[in-house]
Amino acid sequence: MSQRYRDVLDYEIGARIVVEFTLDRREVVDYAVVLTVDDEAGEAVTVRVYDGAHGVNEMHRHDRSGEKRPRRASMPVPLGKECEPR
């Protein structure tokens, strides 16, 4: 089951957050957290993305034009393993 949440963080600069995640019963099997801000034309431009699209937690940074910069692992933990008891 997929879920989606959106919210405005700052109306003045048009900062928004979008959170999407997919559940298999109670387990999160995929997710994305996207931060956007409005550019000079009032269009939403992606600033940062955190996701688990490749089975690993990653962070993607974007420049002011919305171009994606090289990705890097934000947490070197496979998706779904970060909450297992030790």
PDB file of N, CA and C in Angstrom:
ATOM      1  N   MET A   1       0.830  -1.158   0.000  1.00  0.00           N
ATOM      2  CA  MET A   1       0.000   0.000   0.000  1.00  0.00           C
ATOM      3  C   MET A   1       0.888   1.239   0.000  1.00  0.00           C
ATOM      4  N   SER A   2       0.608   2.200  -0.861  1.00  0.00           N
ATOM      5  CA  SER A   2       1.377   3.434  -0.929  1.00  0.00           C
ATOM      6  C   SER A   2       0.644   4.560  -0.222  1.00  0.00           C
ATOM      7  N   GLN A   3       1.400   5.384   0.471  1.00  0.00           N
ATOM      8  CA  GLN A   3       0.870   6.527   1.199  1.00  0.00           C
ATOM      9  C   GLN A   3       1.586   7.782   0.722  1.00  0.00           C
ATOM     10  N   ARG A   4       0.917   8.942   0.844  1.00  0.00           N
ATOM     11  CA  ARG A   4       1.528  10.206   0.443  1.00  0.00           C
ATOM     12  C   ARG A   4       1.108  11.303   1.412  1.00  0.00           C
ATOM     13  N   TYR A   5       2.059  12.182   1.730  1.00  0.00           N
ATOM     14  CA  TYR A   5       1.815  13.304   2.615  1.00  0.00           C
ATOM     15  C   TYR A   5       2.506  14.520   2.020  1.00  0.00           C
ATOM     16  N   ARG A   6       1.831  15.665   2.006  1.00  0.00           N
ATOM     17  CA  ARG A   6       2.420  16.916   1.526  1.00  0.00           C
ATOM     18  C   ARG A   6       2.146  18.014   2.537  1.00  0.00           C
ATOM     19  N   ASP A   7       3.087  18.958   2.642  1.00  0.00           N
ATOM     20  CA  ASP A   7       2.871  20.087   3.529  1.00  0.00           C
ATOM     21  C   ASP A   7       3.733  21.256   3.071  1.00  0.00           C
ATOM     22  N   VAL A   8       3.259  22.469   3.333  1.00  0.00           N
ATOM     23  CA  VAL A   8       4.037  23.681   3.069  1.00  0.00           C
ATOM     24  C   VAL A   8       4.832  23.980   4.331  1.00  0.00           C
ATOM     25  N   LEU A   9       6.142  24.147   4.173  1.00  0.00           N
ATOM     26  CA  LEU A   9       7.015  24.442   5.305  1.00  0.00           C
ATOM     27  C   LEU A   9       7.198  25.942   5.496  1.00  0.00           C
ATOM     28  N   ASP A  10       7.233  26.684   4.376  1.00  0.00           N
ATOM     29  CA  ASP A  10       7.434  28.130   4.436  1.00  0.00           C
ATOM     30  C   ASP A  10       6.750  28.748   3.224  1.00  0.00           C
ATOM     31  N   TYR A  11       5.683  29.500   3.443  1.00  0.00           N
ATOM     32  CA  TYR A  11       4.935  30.111   2.338  1.00  0.00           C
ATOM     33  C   TYR A  11       5.740  31.195   1.633  1.00  0.00           C
ATOM     34  N   GLU A  12       6.587  31.907   2.355  1.00  0.00           N
ATOM     35  CA  GLU A  12       7.340  33.011   1.775  1.00  0.00           C
ATOM     36  C   GLU A  12       8.284  32.557   0.668  1.00  0.00           C
ATOM     37  N   ILE A  13       8.986  31.448   0.876  1.00  0.00           N
ATOM     38  CA  ILE A  13       9.908  30.953  -0.156  1.00  0.00           C
ATOM     39  C   ILE A  13       9.327  29.769  -0.923  1.00  0.00           C
ATOM     40  N   GLY A  14       8.127  29.366  -0.581  1.00  0.00           N
ATOM     41  CA  GLY A  14       7.494  28.246  -1.279  1.00  0.00           C
ATOM     42  C   GLY A  14       8.140  26.917  -0.980  1.00  0.00           C
ATOM     43  N   ALA A  15       8.620  26.730   0.248  1.00  0.00           N
ATOM     44  CA  ALA A  15       9.259  25.462   0.621  1.00  0.00           C
ATOM     45  C   ALA A  15       8.175  24.438   0.944  1.00  0.00           C
ATOM     46  N   ARG A  16       8.287  23.261   0.324  1.00  0.00           N
ATOM     47  CA  ARG A  16       7.317  22.191   0.537  1.00  0.00           C
ATOM     48  C   ARG A  16       8.039  20.870   0.772  1.00  0.00           C
ATOM     49  N   ILE A  17       7.356  19.987   1.475  1.00  0.00           N
ATOM     50  CA  ILE A  17       7.862  18.632   1.682  1.00  0.00           C
ATOM     51  C   ILE A  17       6.811  17.652   1.171  1.00  0.00           C
ATOM     52  N   VAL A  18       7.278  16.634   0.488  1.00  0.00           N
ATOM     53  CA  VAL A  18       6.421  15.548   0.028  1.00  0.00           C
ATOM     54  C   VAL A  18       7.037  14.256   0.536  1.00  0.00           C
ATOM     55  N   VAL A  19       6.234  13.446   1.217  1.00  0.00           N
ATOM     56  CA  VAL A  19       6.695  12.163   1.740  1.00  0.00           C
ATOM     57  C   VAL A  19       5.836  11.079   1.117  1.00  0.00           C
ATOM     58  N   GLU A  20       6.475  10.115   0.483  1.00  0.00           N
ATOM     59  CA  GLU A  20       5.777   8.966  -0.091  1.00  0.00           C
ATOM     60  C   GLU A  20       6.429   7.707   0.438  1.00  0.00           C
ATOM     61  N   PHE A  21       5.617   6.714   0.753  1.00  0.00           N
ATOM     62  CA  PHE A  21       6.198   5.448   1.189  1.00  0.00           C
ATOM     63  C   PHE A  21       5.262   4.313   0.829  1.00  0.00           C
ATOM     64  N   THR A  22       5.848   3.135   0.664  1.00  0.00           N
ATOM     65  CA  THR A  22       5.103   1.934   0.322  1.00  0.00           C
ATOM     66  C   THR A  22       5.266   0.929   1.450  1.00  0.00           C
ATOM     67  N   LEU A  23       4.157   0.381   1.877  1.00  0.00           N
ATOM     68  CA  LEU A  23       4.146  -0.605   2.956  1.00  0.00           C
ATOM     69  C   LEU A  23       3.814  -1.988   2.416  1.00  0.00           C
ATOM     70  N   ASP A  24       4.424  -2.991   3.010  1.00  0.00           N
ATOM     71  CA  ASP A  24       4.044  -4.383   2.833  1.00  0.00           C
ATOM     72  C   ASP A  24       3.659  -4.855   4.225  1.00  0.00           C
ATOM     73  N   ARG A  25       2.366  -4.828   4.463  1.00  0.00           N
ATOM     74  CA  ARG A  25       1.818  -5.003   5.808  1.00  0.00           C
ATOM     75  C   ARG A  25       2.303  -3.852   6.677  1.00  0.00           C
ATOM     76  N   ARG A  26       3.190  -4.106   7.647  1.00  0.00           N
ATOM     77  CA  ARG A  26       3.693  -3.029   8.509  1.00  0.00           C
ATOM     78  C   ARG A  26       5.117  -2.621   8.172  1.00  0.00           C
ATOM     79  N   GLU A  27       5.730  -3.231   7.181  1.00  0.00           N
ATOM     80  CA  GLU A  27       7.113  -2.942   6.821  1.00  0.00           C
ATOM     81  C   GLU A  27       7.181  -1.905   5.703  1.00  0.00           C
ATOM     82  N   VAL A  28       8.008  -0.869   5.880  1.00  0.00           N
ATOM     83  CA  VAL A  28       8.248   0.112   4.827  1.00  0.00           C
ATOM     84  C   VAL A  28       9.213  -0.527   3.826  1.00  0.00           C
ATOM     85  N   VAL A  29       8.773  -0.698   2.577  1.00  0.00           N
ATOM     86  CA  VAL A  29       9.611  -1.339   1.566  1.00  0.00           C
ATOM     87  C   VAL A  29      10.216  -0.337   0.588  1.00  0.00           C
ATOM     88  N   ASP A  30       9.699   0.888   0.572  1.00  0.00           N
ATOM     89  CA  ASP A  30      10.272   1.942  -0.257  1.00  0.00           C
ATOM     90  C   ASP A  30       9.772   3.276   0.280  1.00  0.00           C
ATOM     91  N   TYR A  31      10.558   4.338   0.088  1.00  0.00           N
ATOM     92  CA  TYR A  31      10.143   5.656   0.548  1.00  0.00           C
ATOM     93  C   TYR A  31      10.868   6.730  -0.247  1.00  0.00           C
ATOM     94  N   ALA A  32      10.322   7.938  -0.214  1.00  0.00           N
ATOM     95  CA  ALA A  32      10.981   9.124  -0.749  1.00  0.00           C
ATOM     96  C   ALA A  32      10.504  10.327   0.051  1.00  0.00           C
ATOM     97  N   VAL A  33      11.446  11.170   0.437  1.00  0.00           N
ATOM     98  CA  VAL A  33      11.157  12.434   1.093  1.00  0.00           C
ATOM     99  C   VAL A  33      11.765  13.501   0.197  1.00  0.00           C
ATOM    100  N   VAL A  34      10.927  14.408  -0.334  1.00  0.00           N
ATOM    101  CA  VAL A  34      11.372  15.403  -1.307  1.00  0.00           C
ATOM    102  C   VAL A  34      11.137  16.798  -0.750  1.00  0.00           C
ATOM    103  N   LEU A  35      12.185  17.640  -0.783  1.00  0.00           N
ATOM    104  CA  LEU A  35      12.085  19.034  -0.391  1.00  0.00           C
ATOM    105  C   LEU A  35      12.159  19.876  -1.653  1.00  0.00           C
ATOM    106  N   THR A  36      11.181  20.788  -1.840  1.00  0.00           N
ATOM    107  CA  THR A  36      11.191  21.693  -2.988  1.00  0.00           C
ATOM    108  C   THR A  36      11.058  23.130  -2.504  1.00  0.00           C
ATOM    109  N   VAL A  37      11.541  24.071  -3.319  1.00  0.00           N
ATOM    110  CA  VAL A  37      11.322  25.502  -3.097  1.00  0.00           C
ATOM    111  C   VAL A  37      10.928  26.109  -4.431  1.00  0.00           C
ATOM    112  N   ASP A  38      10.229  27.233  -4.374  1.00  0.00           N
ATOM    113  CA  ASP A  38       9.834  27.911  -5.604  1.00  0.00           C
ATOM    114  C   ASP A  38      10.993  28.713  -6.172  1.00  0.00           C
ATOM    115  N   ASP A  39      11.141  28.676  -7.508  1.00  0.00           N
ATOM    116  CA  ASP A  39      12.151  29.496  -8.160  1.00  0.00           C
ATOM    117  C   ASP A  39      11.575  30.888  -8.441  1.00  0.00           C
ATOM    118  N   GLU A  40      12.302  31.720  -9.175  1.00  0.00           N
ATOM    119  CA  GLU A  40      11.864  33.087  -9.451  1.00  0.00           C
ATOM    120  C   GLU A  40      10.542  33.140 -10.202  1.00  0.00           C
ATOM    121  N   ALA A  41      10.247  32.110 -10.990  1.00  0.00           N
ATOM    122  CA  ALA A  41       9.003  32.057 -11.767  1.00  0.00           C
ATOM    123  C   ALA A  41       7.854  31.440 -10.980  1.00  0.00           C
ATOM    124  N   GLY A  42       8.137  31.042  -9.729  1.00  0.00           N
ATOM    125  CA  GLY A  42       7.094  30.435  -8.912  1.00  0.00           C
ATOM    126  C   GLY A  42       6.908  28.951  -9.140  1.00  0.00           C
ATOM    127  N   GLU A  43       7.813  28.329  -9.890  1.00  0.00           N
ATOM    128  CA  GLU A  43       7.755  26.889 -10.153  1.00  0.00           C
ATOM    129  C   GLU A  43       8.519  26.139  -9.074  1.00  0.00           C
ATOM    130  N   ALA A  44       8.000  24.995  -8.663  1.00  0.00           N
ATOM    131  CA  ALA A  44       8.670  24.174  -7.653  1.00  0.00           C
ATOM    132  C   ALA A  44       9.929  23.536  -8.228  1.00  0.00           C
ATOM    133  N   VAL A  45      11.041  23.682  -7.522  1.00  0.00           N
ATOM    134  CA  VAL A  45      12.326  23.101  -7.918  1.00  0.00           C
ATOM    135  C   VAL A  45      12.777  22.176  -6.793  1.00  0.00           C
ATOM    136  N   THR A  46      13.158  20.946  -7.138  1.00  0.00           N
ATOM    137  CA  THR A  46      13.629  19.985  -6.144  1.00  0.00           C
ATOM    138  C   THR A  46      14.973  20.423  -5.586  1.00  0.00           C
ATOM    139  N   VAL A  47      15.097  20.400  -4.267  1.00  0.00           N
ATOM    140  CA  VAL A  47      16.337  20.792  -3.596  1.00  0.00           C
ATOM    141  C   VAL A  47      17.066  19.562  -3.073  1.00  0.00           C
ATOM    142  N   ARG A  48      16.320  18.666  -2.421  1.00  0.00           N
ATOM    143  CA  ARG A  48      16.930  17.486  -1.826  1.00  0.00           C
ATOM    144  C   ARG A  48      15.931  16.341  -1.835  1.00  0.00           C
ATOM    145  N   VAL A  49      16.447  15.113  -2.019  1.00  0.00           N
ATOM    146  CA  VAL A  49      15.628  13.903  -1.993  1.00  0.00           C
ATOM    147  C   VAL A  49      16.334  12.871  -1.131  1.00  0.00           C
ATOM    148  N   TYR A  50      15.596  12.288  -0.216  1.00  0.00           N
ATOM    149  CA  TYR A  50      16.060  11.130   0.544  1.00  0.00           C
ATOM    150  C   TYR A  50      15.188   9.974   0.099  1.00  0.00           C
ATOM    151  N   ASP A  51      15.801   8.838  -0.251  1.00  0.00           N
ATOM    152  CA  ASP A  51      14.979   7.717  -0.711  1.00  0.00           C
ATOM    153  C   ASP A  51      15.656   6.380  -0.464  1.00  0.00           C
ATOM    154  N   GLY A  52      14.892   5.341  -0.721  1.00  0.00           N
ATOM    155  CA  GLY A  52      15.395   3.974  -0.608  1.00  0.00           C
ATOM    156  C   GLY A  52      15.170   3.218  -1.905  1.00  0.00           C
ATOM    157  N   ALA A  53      15.182   3.936  -3.027  1.00  0.00           N
ATOM    158  CA  ALA A  53      14.836   3.357  -4.324  1.00  0.00           C
ATOM    159  C   ALA A  53      15.753   2.226  -4.770  1.00  0.00           C
ATOM    160  N   HIS A  54      16.988   2.216  -4.329  1.00  0.00           N
ATOM    161  CA  HIS A  54      17.931   1.170  -4.737  1.00  0.00           C
ATOM    162  C   HIS A  54      18.168   0.164  -3.622  1.00  0.00           C
ATOM    163  N   GLY A  55      17.246   0.149  -2.644  1.00  0.00           N
ATOM    164  CA  GLY A  55      17.375  -0.792  -1.538  1.00  0.00           C
ATOM    165  C   GLY A  55      18.334  -0.332  -0.456  1.00  0.00           C
ATOM    166  N   VAL A  56      18.878   0.891  -0.606  1.00  0.00           N
ATOM    167  CA  VAL A  56      19.791   1.474   0.366  1.00  0.00           C
ATOM    168  C   VAL A  56      19.330   2.904   0.607  1.00  0.00           C
ATOM    169  N   ASN A  57      19.436   3.394   1.834  1.00  0.00           N
ATOM    170  CA  ASN A  57      19.073   4.774   2.131  1.00  0.00           C
ATOM    171  C   ASN A  57      20.053   5.713   1.442  1.00  0.00           C
ATOM    172  N   GLU A  58      19.522   6.653   0.628  1.00  0.00           N
ATOM    173  CA  GLU A  58      20.371   7.580  -0.114  1.00  0.00           C
ATOM    174  C   GLU A  58      19.854   9.001   0.005  1.00  0.00           C
ATOM    175  N   MET A  59      20.760   9.948  -0.251  1.00  0.00           N
ATOM    176  CA  MET A  59      20.404  11.353  -0.330  1.00  0.00           C
ATOM    177  C   MET A  59      20.855  11.875  -1.690  1.00  0.00           C
ATOM    178  N   HIS A  60      19.981  12.636  -2.353  1.00  0.00           N
ATOM    179  CA  HIS A  60      20.312  13.272  -3.626  1.00  0.00           C
ATOM    180  C   HIS A  60      20.179  14.771  -3.435  1.00  0.00           C
ATOM    181  N   ARG A  61      21.216  15.511  -3.830  1.00  0.00           N
ATOM    182  CA  ARG A  61      21.150  16.971  -3.777  1.00  0.00           C
ATOM    183  C   ARG A  61      20.949  17.499  -5.183  1.00  0.00           C
ATOM    184  N   HIS A  62      20.235  18.598  -5.293  1.00  0.00           N
ATOM    185  CA  HIS A  62      19.974  19.237  -6.581  1.00  0.00           C
ATOM    186  C   HIS A  62      20.450  20.677  -6.503  1.00  0.00           C
ATOM    187  N   ASP A  63      20.915  21.220  -7.645  1.00  0.00           N
ATOM    188  CA  ASP A  63      21.330  22.619  -7.650  1.00  0.00           C
ATOM    189  C   ASP A  63      20.117  23.515  -7.902  1.00  0.00           C
ATOM    190  N   ARG A  64      20.341  24.810  -7.996  1.00  0.00           N
ATOM    191  CA  ARG A  64      19.224  25.758  -8.133  1.00  0.00           C
ATOM    192  C   ARG A  64      18.415  25.560  -9.404  1.00  0.00           C
ATOM    193  N   SER A  65      18.998  24.957 -10.424  1.00  0.00           N
ATOM    194  CA  SER A  65      18.257  24.706 -11.661  1.00  0.00           C
ATOM    195  C   SER A  65      17.464  23.404 -11.586  1.00  0.00           C
ATOM    196  N   GLY A  66      17.626  22.654 -10.510  1.00  0.00           N
ATOM    197  CA  GLY A  66      16.930  21.387 -10.374  1.00  0.00           C
ATOM    198  C   GLY A  66      17.729  20.197 -10.878  1.00  0.00           C
ATOM    199  N   GLU A  67      18.957  20.454 -11.371  1.00  0.00           N
ATOM    200  CA  GLU A  67      19.801  19.368 -11.865  1.00  0.00           C
ATOM    201  C   GLU A  67      20.303  18.527 -10.704  1.00  0.00           C
ATOM    202  N   LYS A  68      20.253  17.206 -10.880  1.00  0.00           N
ATOM    203  CA  LYS A  68      20.696  16.296  -9.820  1.00  0.00           C
ATOM    204  C   LYS A  68      22.216  16.253  -9.774  1.00  0.00           C
ATOM    205  N   ARG A  69      22.748  16.346  -8.567  1.00  0.00           N
ATOM    206  CA  ARG A  69      24.176  16.191  -8.346  1.00  0.00           C
ATOM    207  C   ARG A  69      24.435  14.717  -8.039  1.00  0.00           C
ATOM    208  N   PRO A  70      25.683  14.293  -8.048  1.00  0.00           N
ATOM    209  CA  PRO A  70      25.963  12.871  -7.781  1.00  0.00           C
ATOM    210  C   PRO A  70      25.358  12.414  -6.460  1.00  0.00           C
ATOM    211  N   ARG A  71      24.767  11.210  -6.469  1.00  0.00           N
ATOM    212  CA  ARG A  71      24.138  10.708  -5.245  1.00  0.00           C
ATOM    213  C   ARG A  71      25.195  10.193  -4.287  1.00  0.00           C
ATOM    214  N   ARG A  72      24.804  10.145  -3.032  1.00  0.00           N
ATOM    215  CA  ARG A  72      25.685   9.549  -2.033  1.00  0.00           C
ATOM    216  C   ARG A  72      24.814   8.870  -0.991  1.00  0.00           C
ATOM    217  N   ALA A  73      25.329   7.807  -0.445  1.00  0.00           N
ATOM    218  CA  ALA A  73      24.570   7.084   0.577  1.00  0.00           C
ATOM    219  C   ALA A  73      24.497   7.947   1.826  1.00  0.00           C
ATOM    220  N   SER A  74      23.282   8.145   2.336  1.00  0.00           N
ATOM    221  CA  SER A  74      23.145   8.935   3.549  1.00  0.00           C
ATOM    222  C   SER A  74      23.286   8.059   4.781  1.00  0.00           C
ATOM    223  N   MET A  75      22.933   6.790   4.633  1.00  0.00           N
ATOM    224  CA  MET A  75      23.095   5.815   5.710  1.00  0.00           C
ATOM    225  C   MET A  75      23.484   4.506   5.046  1.00  0.00           C
ATOM    226  N   PRO A  76      24.643   3.972   5.334  1.00  0.00           N
ATOM    227  CA  PRO A  76      25.068   2.751   4.649  1.00  0.00           C
ATOM    228  C   PRO A  76      24.369   1.503   5.181  1.00  0.00           C
ATOM    229  N   VAL A  77      23.050   1.609   5.341  1.00  0.00           N
ATOM    230  CA  VAL A  77      22.261   0.520   5.897  1.00  0.00           C
ATOM    231  C   VAL A  77      21.217   0.112   4.868  1.00  0.00           C
ATOM    232  N   PRO A  78      21.104  -1.169   4.536  1.00  0.00           N
ATOM    233  CA  PRO A  78      20.078  -1.596   3.600  1.00  0.00           C
ATOM    234  C   PRO A  78      18.687  -1.223   4.109  1.00  0.00           C
ATOM    235  N   LEU A  79      17.828  -0.836   3.209  1.00  0.00           N
ATOM    236  CA  LEU A  79      16.464  -0.471   3.553  1.00  0.00           C
ATOM    237  C   LEU A  79      15.794  -1.619   4.292  1.00  0.00           C
ATOM    238  N   GLY A  80      15.111  -1.293   5.382  1.00  0.00           N
ATOM    239  CA  GLY A  80      14.406  -2.303   6.170  1.00  0.00           C
ATOM    240  C   GLY A  80      15.231  -2.889   7.303  1.00  0.00           C
ATOM    241  N   LYS A  81      16.522  -2.602   7.370  1.00  0.00           N
ATOM    242  CA  LYS A  81      17.370  -3.173   8.412  1.00  0.00           C
ATOM    243  C   LYS A  81      17.656  -2.190   9.542  1.00  0.00           C
ATOM    244  N   GLU A  82      17.356  -0.893   9.348  1.00  0.00           N
ATOM    245  CA  GLU A  82      17.731   0.107  10.338  1.00  0.00           C
ATOM    246  C   GLU A  82      16.949   0.010  11.646  1.00  0.00           C
ATOM    247  N   CYS A  83      15.833  -0.696  11.664  1.00  0.00           N
ATOM    248  CA  CYS A  83      15.014  -0.762  12.890  1.00  0.00           C
ATOM    249  C   CYS A  83      15.030  -2.147  13.547  1.00  0.00           C
ATOM    250  N   GLU A  84      15.862  -3.030  13.059  1.00  0.00           N
ATOM    251  CA  GLU A  84      15.900  -4.368  13.662  1.00  0.00           C
ATOM    252  C   GLU A  84      16.545  -4.295  15.046  1.00  0.00           C
ATOM    253  N   PRO A  85      16.032  -5.042  16.002  1.00  0.00           N
ATOM    254  CA  PRO A  85      16.652  -5.044  17.334  1.00  0.00           C
ATOM    255  C   PRO A  85      18.054  -5.609  17.287  1.00  0.00           C
ATOM    256  N   ARG A  86      18.897  -5.130  18.172  1.00  0.00           N
ATOM    257  CA  ARG A  86      20.295  -5.605  18.198  1.00  0.00           C
ATOM    258  C   ARG A  86      20.443  -6.741  19.167  1.00  0.00           C
TER     259      ARG A  86
END
